[in-house]
Amino acid sequence: MTWETRALDLLRAGPPTPLIELPVAAPGVRLLLKDESAQPTGSLRHRHARVLFRQAVLDGLVTEGTPVVEATGGNAAVAQAWFARRLGLPYIVVMPGARGEERARPVEELGGECRFVTPPLAIYDAARRVAREAGGHFLDQFGRAAEHDLADELFAQVLPDWVVVGAGTGATSAALGRRARHGSGELRDRPRVAVADPENSAYFPGWTLDEPAYATGMPSRVEGIGRPRMEPGFRPDLVDVVVPVPDAASVAAARRIRAVTGLAVGASSGTALWAALELVERLRAKGEGGTVVSVVGDAHPRHLATCHDDGWAAAKGLDWRAHADEVLRRTS
């Protein structure tokens, strides 16, 4: 068996992640959480990493022993380091800012190497340079954003009226939108795709204005989603609606998910839930029933020190209590 054959075998999809029902105060409407925290590396980024590695192997860009380099942080780096270790490949990630043990440790425990660069936007050029000097491959999750298997898996479990997801690279919403349109009959019969967008992100204004080059130049306070520019992987033509979500509402909704399910989710999952509840409210107001699916990106104890911590929220100027009563009312 060649290395490439073995690698592709190791890069096969795993078992489906579960759906969790969250009660809502809307007769005839179901709200389901697609729990991506059940992935081996605990987040939706596991799917992204798998298809990035798979495509690189298929294209001959990664072979046995090829150093793999990425510019990212958080869940994406952990997922990529996990796959690199399975494939026996050196992995180097260039992260923005000063070294932080909380970010570096999970990657280094998987055998990866972390390098930190300031200013934050310099990480991409730095990663390209590192890959060139090491004779390796720059994965480039934004430039090579690949569509993964979430849509096929989800629509085999349930055919919802709406599916809600945050956008980072844009690949997930594009995959969902393309799959929802493929082979569907009447437009009203297919699942519709909503993107939940936090403050400072370019996706909502760019989608609204139909401006693919729109940029805010400001980083999102919600880890994992939201971008200061419209990324090439984002397909506005495959998205039915983009819902802007206040960051404080994201925090309140994340806390509600934890209260109901016990999952210590991040604010990005709260962003998606708040947008999903907006869609549930629209269905209720029209007297319609239906099913809404909201994607839970990850759940990790580290979030207990961020969006679930009152001191952290106060330091960020996020008055989540102003939204907590509304979340509770909608999910009673």
C-alpha atoms as a PDB file:
ATOM      1  CA  MET A   1       0.000   0.000   0.000  1.00  0.00           C
ATOM      2  CA  THR A   2       1.409   3.392  -0.988  1.00  0.00           C
ATOM      3  CA  TRP A   3       1.602   6.266   1.451  1.00  0.00           C
ATOM      4  CA  GLU A   4      -1.015   8.165  -0.566  1.00  0.00           C
ATOM      5  CA  THR A   5      -3.457   5.230  -0.432  1.00  0.00           C
ATOM      6  CA  ARG A   6      -2.988   4.850   3.307  1.00  0.00           C
ATOM      7  CA  ALA A   7      -3.357   8.614   3.810  1.00  0.00           C
ATOM      8  CA  LEU A   8      -6.639   8.755   1.894  1.00  0.00           C
ATOM      9  CA  ASP A   9      -7.912   5.824   3.940  1.00  0.00           C
ATOM     10  CA  LEU A  10      -7.064   7.706   7.150  1.00  0.00           C
ATOM     11  CA  LEU A  11      -8.854  10.771   5.779  1.00  0.00           C
ATOM     12  CA  ARG A  12     -12.227   9.087   5.375  1.00  0.00           C
ATOM     13  CA  ALA A  13     -15.240  10.665   7.085  1.00  0.00           C
ATOM     14  CA  GLY A  14     -16.168   9.474  10.557  1.00  0.00           C
ATOM     15  CA  PRO A  15     -19.605   8.679  12.025  1.00  0.00           C
ATOM     16  CA  PRO A  16     -22.322  11.378  11.979  1.00  0.00           C
ATOM     17  CA  THR A  17     -22.443  13.897  14.810  1.00  0.00           C
ATOM     18  CA  PRO A  18     -25.706  13.962  16.810  1.00  0.00           C
ATOM     19  CA  LEU A  19     -28.727  16.245  16.715  1.00  0.00           C
ATOM     20  CA  ILE A  20     -29.966  17.670  20.030  1.00  0.00           C
ATOM     21  CA  GLU A  21     -33.465  19.125  20.364  1.00  0.00           C
ATOM     22  CA  LEU A  22     -33.737  22.501  22.096  1.00  0.00           C
ATOM     23  CA  PRO A  23     -37.255  23.437  23.228  1.00  0.00           C
ATOM     24  CA  VAL A  24     -38.725  26.618  21.715  1.00  0.00           C
ATOM     25  CA  ALA A  25     -41.810  28.673  22.498  1.00  0.00           C
ATOM     26  CA  ALA A  26     -43.280  28.285  19.008  1.00  0.00           C
ATOM     27  CA  PRO A  27     -46.000  25.680  18.387  1.00  0.00           C
ATOM     28  CA  GLY A  28     -45.175  23.313  15.549  1.00  0.00           C
ATOM     29  CA  VAL A  29     -41.533  24.427  15.290  1.00  0.00           C
ATOM     30  CA  ARG A  30     -38.556  22.199  16.151  1.00  0.00           C
ATOM     31  CA  LEU A  31     -35.099  23.593  16.838  1.00  0.00           C
ATOM     32  CA  LEU A  32     -32.240  21.100  16.553  1.00  0.00           C
ATOM     33  CA  LEU A  33     -28.574  21.610  17.410  1.00  0.00           C
ATOM     34  CA  LYS A  34     -26.087  19.816  15.149  1.00  0.00           C
ATOM     35  CA  ASP A  35     -23.391  19.036  17.713  1.00  0.00           C
ATOM     36  CA  GLU A  36     -20.007  19.316  15.995  1.00  0.00           C
ATOM     37  CA  SER A  37     -18.295  19.239  19.393  1.00  0.00           C
ATOM     38  CA  ALA A  38     -18.654  15.449  19.072  1.00  0.00           C
ATOM     39  CA  GLN A  39     -15.916  15.442  16.422  1.00  0.00           C
ATOM     40  CA  PRO A  40     -12.601  13.811  17.481  1.00  0.00           C
ATOM     41  CA  THR A  41     -11.003  17.269  17.809  1.00  0.00           C
ATOM     42  CA  GLY A  42     -14.162  18.841  19.208  1.00  0.00           C
ATOM     43  CA  SER A  43     -15.238  21.312  16.537  1.00  0.00           C
ATOM     44  CA  LEU A  44     -16.559  21.907  13.030  1.00  0.00           C
ATOM     45  CA  ARG A  45     -12.964  22.693  12.017  1.00  0.00           C
ATOM     46  CA  HIS A  46     -12.340  18.951  12.046  1.00  0.00           C
ATOM     47  CA  ARG A  47     -14.287  18.667   8.798  1.00  0.00           C
ATOM     48  CA  HIS A  48     -12.407  21.613   7.260  1.00  0.00           C
ATOM     49  CA  ALA A  49      -9.047  20.121   8.164  1.00  0.00           C
ATOM     50  CA  ARG A  50      -9.923  16.698   6.801  1.00  0.00           C
ATOM     51  CA  VAL A  51     -10.901  17.959   3.347  1.00  0.00           C
ATOM     52  CA  LEU A  52      -7.915  20.346   3.177  1.00  0.00           C
ATOM     53  CA  PHE A  53      -5.529  17.455   3.803  1.00  0.00           C
ATOM     54  CA  ARG A  54      -7.452  15.135   1.491  1.00  0.00           C
ATOM     55  CA  GLN A  55      -7.405  17.612  -1.389  1.00  0.00           C
ATOM     56  CA  ALA A  56      -3.707  18.338  -0.869  1.00  0.00           C
ATOM     57  CA  VAL A  57      -2.917  14.604  -1.053  1.00  0.00           C
ATOM     58  CA  LEU A  58      -5.078  14.117  -4.148  1.00  0.00           C
ATOM     59  CA  ASP A  59      -3.411  17.091  -5.852  1.00  0.00           C
ATOM     60  CA  GLY A  60       0.068  15.753  -5.041  1.00  0.00           C
ATOM     61  CA  LEU A  61       0.887  18.814  -2.924  1.00  0.00           C
ATOM     62  CA  VAL A  62       1.374  16.716   0.201  1.00  0.00           C
ATOM     63  CA  THR A  63       3.313  13.465   0.043  1.00  0.00           C
ATOM     64  CA  GLU A  64       5.098  11.347   2.613  1.00  0.00           C
ATOM     65  CA  GLY A  65       7.115  13.559   4.959  1.00  0.00           C
ATOM     66  CA  THR A  66       5.910  16.902   3.520  1.00  0.00           C
ATOM     67  CA  PRO A  67       5.939  19.653   6.185  1.00  0.00           C
ATOM     68  CA  VAL A  68       2.488  21.215   6.400  1.00  0.00           C
ATOM     69  CA  VAL A  69       2.095  24.889   7.341  1.00  0.00           C
ATOM     70  CA  GLU A  70      -0.965  26.991   8.171  1.00  0.00           C
ATOM     71  CA  ALA A  71      -1.731  30.527   9.349  1.00  0.00           C
ATOM     72  CA  THR A  72      -4.502  30.283  11.917  1.00  0.00           C
ATOM     73  CA  GLY A  73      -5.292  29.792  15.572  1.00  0.00           C
ATOM     74  CA  GLY A  74      -7.702  27.989  17.844  1.00  0.00           C
ATOM     75  CA  ASN A  75      -9.746  25.025  16.677  1.00  0.00           C
ATOM     76  CA  ALA A  76      -8.428  24.980  13.109  1.00  0.00           C
ATOM     77  CA  ALA A  77      -4.853  24.547  14.310  1.00  0.00           C
ATOM     78  CA  VAL A  78      -5.808  21.751  16.704  1.00  0.00           C
ATOM     79  CA  ALA A  79      -7.743  19.859  14.022  1.00  0.00           C
ATOM     80  CA  GLN A  80      -4.940  20.205  11.486  1.00  0.00           C
ATOM     81  CA  ALA A  81      -2.310  19.100  13.998  1.00  0.00           C
ATOM     82  CA  TRP A  82      -4.434  16.023  14.761  1.00  0.00           C
ATOM     83  CA  PHE A  83      -4.573  14.999  11.106  1.00  0.00           C
ATOM     84  CA  ALA A  84      -0.890  15.778  10.566  1.00  0.00           C
ATOM     85  CA  ARG A  85       0.025  13.444  13.423  1.00  0.00           C
ATOM     86  CA  ARG A  86      -2.187  10.673  11.994  1.00  0.00           C
ATOM     87  CA  LEU A  87      -0.433  11.055   8.646  1.00  0.00           C
ATOM     88  CA  GLY A  88       3.052  11.286  10.166  1.00  0.00           C
ATOM     89  CA  LEU A  89       3.627  14.788   8.792  1.00  0.00           C
ATOM     90  CA  PRO A  90       5.473  17.717  10.414  1.00  0.00           C
ATOM     91  CA  TYR A  91       3.018  20.510  11.214  1.00  0.00           C
ATOM     92  CA  ILE A  92       3.812  24.193  11.779  1.00  0.00           C
ATOM     93  CA  VAL A  93       1.167  26.784  12.543  1.00  0.00           C
ATOM     94  CA  VAL A  94       1.760  30.533  12.478  1.00  0.00           C
ATOM     95  CA  MET A  95      -0.510  32.220  15.011  1.00  0.00           C
ATOM     96  CA  PRO A  96      -1.247  35.930  15.448  1.00  0.00           C
ATOM     97  CA  GLY A  97       0.016  37.949  18.408  1.00  0.00           C
ATOM     98  CA  ALA A  98       2.178  37.018  21.344  1.00  0.00           C
ATOM     99  CA  ARG A  99       2.637  33.447  22.465  1.00  0.00           C
ATOM    100  CA  GLY A 100      -0.183  32.141  24.614  1.00  0.00           C
ATOM    101  CA  GLU A 101       0.094  28.792  26.333  1.00  0.00           C
ATOM    102  CA  GLU A 102      -3.648  28.179  26.086  1.00  0.00           C
ATOM    103  CA  ARG A 103      -3.445  28.375  22.282  1.00  0.00           C
ATOM    104  CA  ALA A 104      -0.096  26.650  21.879  1.00  0.00           C
ATOM    105  CA  ARG A 105      -0.463  23.722  24.265  1.00  0.00           C
ATOM    106  CA  PRO A 106      -3.210  21.742  22.436  1.00  0.00           C
ATOM    107  CA  VAL A 107      -1.257  21.950  19.176  1.00  0.00           C
ATOM    108  CA  GLU A 108       2.091  21.080  20.737  1.00  0.00           C
ATOM    109  CA  GLU A 109       0.580  18.134  22.598  1.00  0.00           C
ATOM    110  CA  LEU A 110      -0.318  16.754  19.160  1.00  0.00           C
ATOM    111  CA  GLY A 111       3.268  17.165  17.956  1.00  0.00           C
ATOM    112  CA  GLY A 112       2.787  20.451  16.124  1.00  0.00           C
ATOM    113  CA  GLU A 113       5.014  23.531  16.274  1.00  0.00           C
ATOM    114  CA  CYS A 114       3.595  27.004  17.001  1.00  0.00           C
ATOM    115  CA  ARG A 115       5.144  30.248  15.855  1.00  0.00           C
ATOM    116  CA  PHE A 116       3.695  33.625  16.783  1.00  0.00           C
ATOM    117  CA  VAL A 117       3.755  36.734  14.603  1.00  0.00           C
ATOM    118  CA  THR A 118       2.859  40.396  15.116  1.00  0.00           C
ATOM    119  CA  PRO A 119       0.999  42.215  13.627  1.00  0.00           C
ATOM    120  CA  PRO A 120      -1.781  39.633  13.255  1.00  0.00           C
ATOM    121  CA  LEU A 121      -2.311  40.101   9.516  1.00  0.00           C
ATOM    122  CA  ALA A 122       1.354  39.222   8.903  1.00  0.00           C
ATOM    123  CA  ILE A 123       0.672  35.556   9.640  1.00  0.00           C
ATOM    124  CA  TYR A 124      -0.205  34.735   6.027  1.00  0.00           C
ATOM    125  CA  ASP A 125       3.016  36.022   4.496  1.00  0.00           C
ATOM    126  CA  ALA A 126       4.946  34.453   7.372  1.00  0.00           C
ATOM    127  CA  ALA A 127       3.306  31.062   6.769  1.00  0.00           C
ATOM    128  CA  ARG A 128       4.107  31.191   3.059  1.00  0.00           C
ATOM    129  CA  ARG A 129       7.725  31.986   3.884  1.00  0.00           C
ATOM    130  CA  VAL A 130       7.936  29.163   6.438  1.00  0.00           C
ATOM    131  CA  ALA A 131       6.477  26.678   3.935  1.00  0.00           C
ATOM    132  CA  ARG A 132       8.904  27.818   1.240  1.00  0.00           C
ATOM    133  CA  GLU A 133      11.942  27.576   3.519  1.00  0.00           C
ATOM    134  CA  ALA A 134      10.882  24.153   4.841  1.00  0.00           C
ATOM    135  CA  GLY A 135      10.091  22.786   1.389  1.00  0.00           C
ATOM    136  CA  GLY A 136       6.552  22.236   2.604  1.00  0.00           C
ATOM    137  CA  HIS A 137       2.959  22.997   1.702  1.00  0.00           C
ATOM    138  CA  PHE A 138       0.916  25.995   2.890  1.00  0.00           C
ATOM    139  CA  LEU A 139      -2.609  24.639   3.469  1.00  0.00           C
ATOM    140  CA  ASP A 140      -4.169  28.137   3.145  1.00  0.00           C
ATOM    141  CA  GLN A 141      -7.606  27.412   4.600  1.00  0.00           C
ATOM    142  CA  PHE A 142      -9.008  30.707   3.311  1.00  0.00           C
ATOM    143  CA  GLY A 143      -7.520  30.673  -0.183  1.00  0.00           C
ATOM    144  CA  ARG A 144      -8.236  26.955  -0.653  1.00  0.00           C
ATOM    145  CA  ALA A 145     -11.457  26.761   1.358  1.00  0.00           C
ATOM    146  CA  ALA A 146     -12.841  23.337   0.454  1.00  0.00           C
ATOM    147  CA  GLU A 147     -16.433  22.199   0.822  1.00  0.00           C
ATOM    148  CA  HIS A 148     -16.816  19.374   3.296  1.00  0.00           C
ATOM    149  CA  ASP A 149     -19.453  16.753   4.072  1.00  0.00           C
ATOM    150  CA  LEU A 150     -21.597  18.477   6.703  1.00  0.00           C
ATOM    151  CA  ALA A 151     -24.440  19.110   4.254  1.00  0.00           C
ATOM    152  CA  ASP A 152     -24.716  15.523   3.009  1.00  0.00           C
ATOM    153  CA  GLU A 153     -24.552  14.180   6.539  1.00  0.00           C
ATOM    154  CA  LEU A 154     -27.092  16.624   7.958  1.00  0.00           C
ATOM    155  CA  PHE A 155     -29.645  16.265   5.171  1.00  0.00           C
ATOM    156  CA  ALA A 156     -29.468  12.489   5.537  1.00  0.00           C
ATOM    157  CA  GLN A 157     -30.463  12.925   9.204  1.00  0.00           C
ATOM    158  CA  VAL A 158     -33.191  15.526   8.736  1.00  0.00           C
ATOM    159  CA  LEU A 159     -34.487  17.796   5.971  1.00  0.00           C
ATOM    160  CA  PRO A 160     -34.925  21.147   7.741  1.00  0.00           C
ATOM    161  CA  ASP A 161     -36.661  24.277   6.593  1.00  0.00           C
ATOM    162  CA  TRP A 162     -33.655  26.320   7.723  1.00  0.00           C
ATOM    163  CA  VAL A 163     -30.069  25.509   8.641  1.00  0.00           C
ATOM    164  CA  VAL A 164     -28.036  28.188  10.406  1.00  0.00           C
ATOM    165  CA  VAL A 165     -24.250  28.403  10.570  1.00  0.00           C
ATOM    166  CA  GLY A 166     -21.604  31.011  11.233  1.00  0.00           C
ATOM    167  CA  ALA A 167     -19.091  31.880   8.520  1.00  0.00           C
ATOM    168  CA  GLY A 168     -15.308  31.819   8.815  1.00  0.00           C
ATOM    169  CA  THR A 169     -13.814  30.708   5.514  1.00  0.00           C
ATOM    170  CA  GLY A 170     -17.326  30.587   4.034  1.00  0.00           C
ATOM    171  CA  ALA A 171     -16.907  26.961   2.934  1.00  0.00           C
ATOM    172  CA  THR A 172     -19.577  25.570   5.256  1.00  0.00           C
ATOM    173  CA  SER A 173     -22.381  27.896   4.152  1.00  0.00           C
ATOM    174  CA  ALA A 174     -21.357  27.371   0.512  1.00  0.00           C
ATOM    175  CA  ALA A 175     -21.476  23.581   0.893  1.00  0.00           C
ATOM    176  CA  LEU A 176     -24.858  23.749   2.605  1.00  0.00           C
ATOM    177  CA  GLY A 177     -26.252  26.121  -0.017  1.00  0.00           C
ATOM    178  CA  ARG A 178     -25.016  24.081  -2.960  1.00  0.00           C
ATOM    179  CA  ARG A 179     -26.296  20.809  -1.492  1.00  0.00           C
ATOM    180  CA  ALA A 180     -29.666  22.368  -0.632  1.00  0.00           C
ATOM    181  CA  ARG A 181     -30.113  23.440  -4.247  1.00  0.00           C
ATOM    182  CA  HIS A 182     -28.862  20.228  -5.847  1.00  0.00           C
ATOM    183  CA  GLY A 183     -31.670  18.017  -7.037  1.00  0.00           C
ATOM    184  CA  SER A 184     -34.335  19.961  -5.152  1.00  0.00           C
ATOM    185  CA  GLY A 185     -37.709  20.489  -6.749  1.00  0.00           C
ATOM    186  CA  GLU A 186     -39.667  23.626  -6.024  1.00  0.00           C
ATOM    187  CA  LEU A 187     -37.709  26.391  -4.305  1.00  0.00           C
ATOM    188  CA  ARG A 188     -40.088  26.275  -1.335  1.00  0.00           C
ATOM    189  CA  ASP A 189     -39.368  22.576  -0.807  1.00  0.00           C
ATOM    190  CA  ARG A 190     -35.626  22.836  -0.265  1.00  0.00           C
ATOM    191  CA  PRO A 191     -33.756  23.687   2.939  1.00  0.00           C
ATOM    192  CA  ARG A 192     -32.784  27.330   3.170  1.00  0.00           C
ATOM    193  CA  VAL A 193     -29.405  28.480   4.445  1.00  0.00           C
ATOM    194  CA  ALA A 194     -28.843  31.312   6.905  1.00  0.00           C
ATOM    195  CA  VAL A 195     -25.481  32.729   7.943  1.00  0.00           C
ATOM    196  CA  ALA A 196     -25.219  34.164  11.450  1.00  0.00           C
ATOM    197  CA  ASP A 197     -22.791  37.075  11.430  1.00  0.00           C
ATOM    198  CA  PRO A 198     -21.238  38.775  14.496  1.00  0.00           C
ATOM    199  CA  GLU A 199     -20.327  42.426  14.909  1.00  0.00           C
ATOM    200  CA  ASN A 200     -17.432  43.847  12.828  1.00  0.00           C
ATOM    201  CA  SER A 201     -17.725  41.078  10.238  1.00  0.00           C
ATOM    202  CA  ALA A 202     -17.914  41.868   6.529  1.00  0.00           C
ATOM    203  CA  TYR A 203     -20.370  39.146   5.537  1.00  0.00           C
ATOM    204  CA  PHE A 204     -23.659  40.833   6.455  1.00  0.00           C
ATOM    205  CA  PRO A 205     -22.937  44.230   4.868  1.00  0.00           C
ATOM    206  CA  GLY A 206     -21.179  42.601   1.892  1.00  0.00           C
ATOM    207  CA  TRP A 207     -24.129  40.268   1.286  1.00  0.00           C
ATOM    208  CA  THR A 208     -26.660  43.072   1.728  1.00  0.00           C
ATOM    209  CA  LEU A 209     -24.839  45.417  -0.652  1.00  0.00           C
ATOM    210  CA  ASP A 210     -23.895  42.638  -3.102  1.00  0.00           C
ATOM    211  CA  GLU A 211     -20.296  43.782  -2.828  1.00  0.00           C
ATOM    212  CA  PRO A 212     -17.848  40.836  -2.952  1.00  0.00           C
ATOM    213  CA  ALA A 213     -14.872  43.044  -2.057  1.00  0.00           C
ATOM    214  CA  TYR A 214     -16.492  44.528   1.043  1.00  0.00           C
ATOM    215  CA  ALA A 215     -14.205  44.856   4.053  1.00  0.00           C
ATOM    216  CA  THR A 216     -14.590  46.241   7.549  1.00  0.00           C
ATOM    217  CA  GLY A 217     -10.910  45.974   8.461  1.00  0.00           C
ATOM    218  CA  MET A 218     -11.966  45.081  11.997  1.00  0.00           C
ATOM    219  CA  PRO A 219     -11.526  41.703  13.721  1.00  0.00           C
ATOM    220  CA  SER A 220     -14.487  39.847  15.153  1.00  0.00           C
ATOM    221  CA  ARG A 221     -14.718  39.471  18.926  1.00  0.00           C
ATOM    222  CA  VAL A 222     -16.396  36.103  18.384  1.00  0.00           C
ATOM    223  CA  GLU A 223     -13.761  33.417  17.973  1.00  0.00           C
ATOM    224  CA  GLY A 224     -13.994  31.228  14.880  1.00  0.00           C
ATOM    225  CA  ILE A 225     -16.478  33.209  12.768  1.00  0.00           C
ATOM    226  CA  GLY A 226     -16.737  36.648  11.224  1.00  0.00           C
ATOM    227  CA  ARG A 227     -14.083  38.122   8.952  1.00  0.00           C
ATOM    228  CA  PRO A 228     -12.792  41.660   8.305  1.00  0.00           C
ATOM    229  CA  ARG A 229     -13.259  41.000   4.563  1.00  0.00           C
ATOM    230  CA  MET A 230     -15.396  38.867   2.270  1.00  0.00           C
ATOM    231  CA  GLU A 231     -13.362  35.671   1.871  1.00  0.00           C
ATOM    232  CA  PRO A 232     -13.212  33.907  -1.526  1.00  0.00           C
ATOM    233  CA  GLY A 233     -14.791  30.752  -0.062  1.00  0.00           C
ATOM    234  CA  PHE A 234     -17.979  32.638   0.861  1.00  0.00           C
ATOM    235  CA  ARG A 235     -20.702  32.309  -1.791  1.00  0.00           C
ATOM    236  CA  PRO A 236     -23.396  34.949  -1.275  1.00  0.00           C
ATOM    237  CA  ASP A 237     -25.437  33.466  -4.145  1.00  0.00           C
ATOM    238  CA  LEU A 238     -25.786  30.221  -2.162  1.00  0.00           C
ATOM    239  CA  VAL A 239     -27.038  31.923   1.004  1.00  0.00           C
ATOM    240  CA  ASP A 240     -30.704  32.802   1.526  1.00  0.00           C
ATOM    241  CA  VAL A 241     -30.211  35.290   4.345  1.00  0.00           C
ATOM    242  CA  VAL A 242     -27.442  36.693   6.535  1.00  0.00           C
ATOM    243  CA  VAL A 243     -28.553  37.557  10.067  1.00  0.00           C
ATOM    244  CA  PRO A 244     -26.508  40.156  11.988  1.00  0.00           C
ATOM    245  CA  VAL A 245     -26.131  39.209  15.648  1.00  0.00           C
ATOM    246  CA  PRO A 246     -24.990  41.489  18.489  1.00  0.00           C
ATOM    247  CA  ASP A 247     -21.973  40.033  20.285  1.00  0.00           C
ATOM    248  CA  ALA A 248     -23.737  40.356  23.638  1.00  0.00           C
ATOM    249  CA  ALA A 249     -26.613  38.268  22.264  1.00  0.00           C
ATOM    250  CA  SER A 250     -24.094  35.629  21.182  1.00  0.00           C
ATOM    251  CA  VAL A 251     -22.854  35.400  24.773  1.00  0.00           C
ATOM    252  CA  ALA A 252     -26.385  35.131  26.182  1.00  0.00           C
ATOM    253  CA  ALA A 253     -27.308  32.397  23.698  1.00  0.00           C
ATOM    254  CA  ALA A 254     -24.098  30.439  24.365  1.00  0.00           C
ATOM    255  CA  ARG A 255     -24.937  30.454  28.061  1.00  0.00           C
ATOM    256  CA  ARG A 256     -28.424  29.182  27.296  1.00  0.00           C
ATOM    257  CA  ILE A 257     -27.041  26.243  25.297  1.00  0.00           C
ATOM    258  CA  ARG A 258     -24.840  25.335  28.243  1.00  0.00           C
ATOM    259  CA  ALA A 259     -27.750  25.635  30.686  1.00  0.00           C
ATOM    260  CA  VAL A 260     -29.941  23.289  28.623  1.00  0.00           C
ATOM    261  CA  THR A 261     -27.409  20.791  27.255  1.00  0.00           C
ATOM    262  CA  GLY A 262     -24.415  21.049  29.579  1.00  0.00           C
ATOM    263  CA  LEU A 263     -22.149  21.857  26.608  1.00  0.00           C
ATOM    264  CA  ALA A 264     -19.664  24.651  27.329  1.00  0.00           C
ATOM    265  CA  VAL A 265     -19.960  26.108  23.847  1.00  0.00           C
ATOM    266  CA  GLY A 266     -18.171  29.153  22.492  1.00  0.00           C
ATOM    267  CA  ALA A 267     -19.751  32.444  21.494  1.00  0.00           C
ATOM    268  CA  SER A 268     -19.843  31.361  17.828  1.00  0.00           C
ATOM    269  CA  SER A 269     -22.413  28.687  18.711  1.00  0.00           C
ATOM    270  CA  GLY A 270     -24.362  31.382  20.536  1.00  0.00           C
ATOM    271  CA  THR A 271     -24.275  33.538  17.398  1.00  0.00           C
ATOM    272  CA  ALA A 272     -25.802  30.721  15.366  1.00  0.00           C
ATOM    273  CA  LEU A 273     -28.438  29.996  18.023  1.00  0.00           C
ATOM    274  CA  TRP A 274     -29.545  33.635  18.237  1.00  0.00           C
ATOM    275  CA  ALA A 275     -29.962  33.761  14.449  1.00  0.00           C
ATOM    276  CA  ALA A 276     -31.848  30.446  14.559  1.00  0.00           C
ATOM    277  CA  LEU A 277     -34.203  31.857  17.187  1.00  0.00           C
ATOM    278  CA  GLU A 278     -34.838  34.848  14.913  1.00  0.00           C
ATOM    279  CA  LEU A 279     -35.945  32.422  12.202  1.00  0.00           C
ATOM    280  CA  VAL A 280     -38.076  30.462  14.679  1.00  0.00           C
ATOM    281  CA  GLU A 281     -39.750  33.735  15.631  1.00  0.00           C
ATOM    282  CA  ARG A 282     -40.495  34.494  11.980  1.00  0.00           C
ATOM    283  CA  LEU A 283     -42.137  31.099  11.566  1.00  0.00           C
ATOM    284  CA  ARG A 284     -44.160  31.623  14.748  1.00  0.00           C
ATOM    285  CA  ALA A 285     -45.290  35.083  13.648  1.00  0.00           C
ATOM    286  CA  LYS A 286     -46.571  33.630  10.362  1.00  0.00           C
ATOM    287  CA  GLY A 287     -48.315  30.781  12.150  1.00  0.00           C
ATOM    288  CA  GLU A 288     -46.108  28.272  10.342  1.00  0.00           C
ATOM    289  CA  GLY A 289     -44.405  25.128  11.575  1.00  0.00           C
ATOM    290  CA  GLY A 290     -41.085  23.711  10.517  1.00  0.00           C
ATOM    291  CA  THR A 291     -37.625  22.590  11.545  1.00  0.00           C
ATOM    292  CA  VAL A 292     -34.619  24.825  12.127  1.00  0.00           C
ATOM    293  CA  VAL A 293     -31.120  23.407  12.606  1.00  0.00           C
ATOM    294  CA  SER A 294     -28.374  25.430  14.268  1.00  0.00           C
ATOM    295  CA  VAL A 295     -24.779  24.215  14.091  1.00  0.00           C
ATOM    296  CA  VAL A 296     -22.856  23.989  17.375  1.00  0.00           C
ATOM    297  CA  GLY A 297     -19.243  24.693  16.465  1.00  0.00           C
ATOM    298  CA  ASP A 298     -17.419  23.446  19.545  1.00  0.00           C
ATOM    299  CA  ALA A 299     -17.668  22.931  23.286  1.00  0.00           C
ATOM    300  CA  HIS A 300     -14.587  23.149  25.483  1.00  0.00           C
ATOM    301  CA  PRO A 301     -13.773  24.010  29.111  1.00  0.00           C
ATOM    302  CA  ARG A 302     -11.691  26.980  27.903  1.00  0.00           C
ATOM    303  CA  HIS A 303     -14.955  28.766  27.049  1.00  0.00           C
ATOM    304  CA  LEU A 304     -15.783  28.819  30.757  1.00  0.00           C
ATOM    305  CA  ALA A 305     -13.107  31.503  31.066  1.00  0.00           C
ATOM    306  CA  THR A 306     -14.517  33.559  28.177  1.00  0.00           C
ATOM    307  CA  CYS A 307     -18.171  33.893  27.192  1.00  0.00           C
ATOM    308  CA  HIS A 308     -19.393  32.035  30.297  1.00  0.00           C
ATOM    309  CA  ASP A 309     -17.396  34.252  32.647  1.00  0.00           C
ATOM    310  CA  ASP A 310     -18.971  37.482  33.913  1.00  0.00           C
ATOM    311  CA  GLY A 311     -15.608  39.202  34.314  1.00  0.00           C
ATOM    312  CA  TRP A 312     -14.578  38.419  30.748  1.00  0.00           C
ATOM    313  CA  ALA A 313     -17.874  39.704  29.364  1.00  0.00           C
ATOM    314  CA  ALA A 314     -17.645  42.908  31.415  1.00  0.00           C
ATOM    315  CA  ALA A 315     -14.071  43.528  30.231  1.00  0.00           C
ATOM    316  CA  LYS A 316     -15.281  43.195  26.627  1.00  0.00           C
ATOM    317  CA  GLY A 317     -18.163  45.579  27.279  1.00  0.00           C
ATOM    318  CA  LEU A 318     -20.747  42.874  26.515  1.00  0.00           C
ATOM    319  CA  ASP A 319     -23.978  43.303  28.478  1.00  0.00           C
ATOM    320  CA  TRP A 320     -25.305  39.791  27.874  1.00  0.00           C
ATOM    321  CA  ARG A 321     -27.989  40.176  30.539  1.00  0.00           C
ATOM    322  CA  ALA A 322     -29.874  42.529  28.250  1.00  0.00           C
ATOM    323  CA  HIS A 323     -30.475  39.568  25.915  1.00  0.00           C
ATOM    324  CA  ALA A 324     -30.722  36.710  28.418  1.00  0.00           C
ATOM    325  CA  ASP A 325     -34.420  37.201  29.185  1.00  0.00           C
ATOM    326  CA  GLU A 326     -35.286  37.154  25.482  1.00  0.00           C
ATOM    327  CA  VAL A 327     -33.307  33.956  24.903  1.00  0.00           C
ATOM    328  CA  LEU A 328     -35.037  32.354  27.889  1.00  0.00           C
ATOM    329  CA  ARG A 329     -38.471  33.427  26.655  1.00  0.00           C
ATOM    330  CA  ARG A 330     -37.858  31.972  23.205  1.00  0.00           C
ATOM    331  CA  THR A 331     -36.484  28.672  24.505  1.00  0.00           C
ATOM    332  CA  SER A 332     -38.892  27.990  27.350  1.00  0.00           C
END
